[in-house]
């Protein structure tokens, strides 16, 4: 699997324009971990007000975890939480 971080510029009401691509492996791993962490935090917050909505968001976080695990599992000392 190939992963790239894209920096996008988007004016309100317009399509995003890719202005940079980053392929740095360590940065990709850091961003993947952060994305998973934020998805989990969002699910936890949503579950406080609406358990059903929280459960749906947990499933989305798990889907993200599965997708990004390909990036994180490339190194033997990396675990996906």
C-alpha atoms as a PDB file:
ATOM      1  CA  UNK A   1       0.000   0.000   0.000  1.00  0.00           C
ATOM      2  CA  UNK A   2       1.189   3.491  -0.791  1.00  0.00           C
ATOM      3  CA  UNK A   3       0.158   6.383   1.425  1.00  0.00           C
ATOM      4  CA  UNK A   4       0.645  10.084   0.839  1.00  0.00           C
ATOM      5  CA  UNK A   5      -0.251  13.084   2.954  1.00  0.00           C
ATOM      6  CA  UNK A   6      -1.746  15.811   0.798  1.00  0.00           C
ATOM      7  CA  UNK A   7      -1.928  19.444   1.792  1.00  0.00           C
ATOM      8  CA  UNK A   8      -5.070  20.927   0.287  1.00  0.00           C
ATOM      9  CA  UNK A   9      -6.136  24.503  -0.190  1.00  0.00           C
ATOM     10  CA  UNK A  10      -9.879  25.026  -0.354  1.00  0.00           C
ATOM     11  CA  UNK A  11     -11.702  28.292  -0.724  1.00  0.00           C
ATOM     12  CA  UNK A  12     -15.214  28.285   0.648  1.00  0.00           C
ATOM     13  CA  UNK A  13     -17.606  26.771  -1.845  1.00  0.00           C
ATOM     14  CA  UNK A  14     -14.817  25.604  -4.158  1.00  0.00           C
ATOM     15  CA  UNK A  15     -13.125  22.273  -4.806  1.00  0.00           C
ATOM     16  CA  UNK A  16      -9.909  21.639  -2.871  1.00  0.00           C
ATOM     17  CA  UNK A  17      -6.622  22.128  -4.705  1.00  0.00           C
ATOM     18  CA  UNK A  18      -3.697  19.879  -3.792  1.00  0.00           C
ATOM     19  CA  UNK A  19      -0.680  22.105  -3.185  1.00  0.00           C
ATOM     20  CA  UNK A  20       1.794  19.581  -1.729  1.00  0.00           C
ATOM     21  CA  UNK A  21       2.332  15.856  -1.241  1.00  0.00           C
ATOM     22  CA  UNK A  22       4.390  14.328   1.548  1.00  0.00           C
ATOM     23  CA  UNK A  23       5.809  10.802   1.503  1.00  0.00           C
ATOM     24  CA  UNK A  24       7.897  10.843   4.699  1.00  0.00           C
ATOM     25  CA  UNK A  25       7.320   7.475   6.415  1.00  0.00           C
ATOM     26  CA  UNK A  26       7.674   8.729   9.997  1.00  0.00           C
ATOM     27  CA  UNK A  27       5.330  11.638   9.393  1.00  0.00           C
ATOM     28  CA  UNK A  28       2.815   9.325   7.723  1.00  0.00           C
ATOM     29  CA  UNK A  29       2.859   7.043  10.773  1.00  0.00           C
ATOM     30  CA  UNK A  30       2.425   9.996  13.120  1.00  0.00           C
ATOM     31  CA  UNK A  31      -0.503  11.348  11.111  1.00  0.00           C
ATOM     32  CA  UNK A  32      -2.128   7.901  10.928  1.00  0.00           C
ATOM     33  CA  UNK A  33      -1.916   7.507  14.710  1.00  0.00           C
ATOM     34  CA  UNK A  34      -3.333  10.994  15.206  1.00  0.00           C
ATOM     35  CA  UNK A  35      -6.225  10.347  12.808  1.00  0.00           C
ATOM     36  CA  UNK A  36      -7.136   7.155  14.671  1.00  0.00           C
ATOM     37  CA  UNK A  37      -6.876   8.911  18.035  1.00  0.00           C
ATOM     38  CA  UNK A  38      -9.092  11.774  16.909  1.00  0.00           C
ATOM     39  CA  UNK A  39     -11.676   9.398  15.427  1.00  0.00           C
ATOM     40  CA  UNK A  40     -11.804   7.499  18.730  1.00  0.00           C
ATOM     41  CA  UNK A  41     -12.141  10.760  20.694  1.00  0.00           C
ATOM     42  CA  UNK A  42     -14.966  11.921  18.435  1.00  0.00           C
ATOM     43  CA  UNK A  43     -16.791   8.613  18.952  1.00  0.00           C
ATOM     44  CA  UNK A  44     -16.387   8.874  22.721  1.00  0.00           C
ATOM     45  CA  UNK A  45     -17.770  12.416  22.772  1.00  0.00           C
ATOM     46  CA  UNK A  46     -20.711  11.534  20.535  1.00  0.00           C
ATOM     47  CA  UNK A  47     -21.536   8.481  22.655  1.00  0.00           C
ATOM     48  CA  UNK A  48     -21.997  10.708  25.711  1.00  0.00           C
ATOM     49  CA  UNK A  49     -24.944  12.462  24.092  1.00  0.00           C
ATOM     50  CA  UNK A  50     -26.241   9.735  21.801  1.00  0.00           C
ATOM     51  CA  UNK A  51     -25.098   6.120  22.241  1.00  0.00           C
ATOM     52  CA  UNK A  52     -26.342   5.116  18.795  1.00  0.00           C
ATOM     53  CA  UNK A  53     -24.490   7.918  17.062  1.00  0.00           C
ATOM     54  CA  UNK A  54     -21.421   7.099  19.146  1.00  0.00           C
ATOM     55  CA  UNK A  55     -21.599   3.436  18.097  1.00  0.00           C
ATOM     56  CA  UNK A  56     -21.774   4.457  14.435  1.00  0.00           C
ATOM     57  CA  UNK A  57     -18.756   6.694  14.887  1.00  0.00           C
ATOM     58  CA  UNK A  58     -16.858   3.879  16.639  1.00  0.00           C
ATOM     59  CA  UNK A  59     -17.458   1.747  13.545  1.00  0.00           C
ATOM     60  CA  UNK A  60     -16.071   4.549  11.371  1.00  0.00           C
ATOM     61  CA  UNK A  61     -13.030   4.778  13.668  1.00  0.00           C
ATOM     62  CA  UNK A  62     -12.531   1.013  13.379  1.00  0.00           C
ATOM     63  CA  UNK A  63     -12.769   1.222   9.591  1.00  0.00           C
ATOM     64  CA  UNK A  64     -10.115   3.949   9.620  1.00  0.00           C
ATOM     65  CA  UNK A  65      -7.964   1.787  11.915  1.00  0.00           C
ATOM     66  CA  UNK A  66      -8.233  -1.154   9.481  1.00  0.00           C
ATOM     67  CA  UNK A  67      -7.306   1.010   6.503  1.00  0.00           C
ATOM     68  CA  UNK A  68      -4.364   2.667   8.213  1.00  0.00           C
ATOM     69  CA  UNK A  69      -3.127  -0.555   9.806  1.00  0.00           C
ATOM     70  CA  UNK A  70      -1.449  -1.332   6.477  1.00  0.00           C
ATOM     71  CA  UNK A  71       0.706   1.717   6.976  1.00  0.00           C
ATOM     72  CA  UNK A  72       1.366   1.096  10.651  1.00  0.00           C
ATOM     73  CA  UNK A  73       2.018  -2.648  10.398  1.00  0.00           C
ATOM     74  CA  UNK A  74       4.989  -2.218   8.074  1.00  0.00           C
ATOM     75  CA  UNK A  75       7.266  -1.823  11.093  1.00  0.00           C
ATOM     76  CA  UNK A  76       7.453  -4.688  13.557  1.00  0.00           C
ATOM     77  CA  UNK A  77       7.737  -2.373  16.565  1.00  0.00           C
ATOM     78  CA  UNK A  78       4.508  -0.563  15.727  1.00  0.00           C
ATOM     79  CA  UNK A  79       1.145  -1.549  17.149  1.00  0.00           C
ATOM     80  CA  UNK A  80      -2.240  -0.164  16.198  1.00  0.00           C
ATOM     81  CA  UNK A  81      -4.338   0.806  19.174  1.00  0.00           C
END
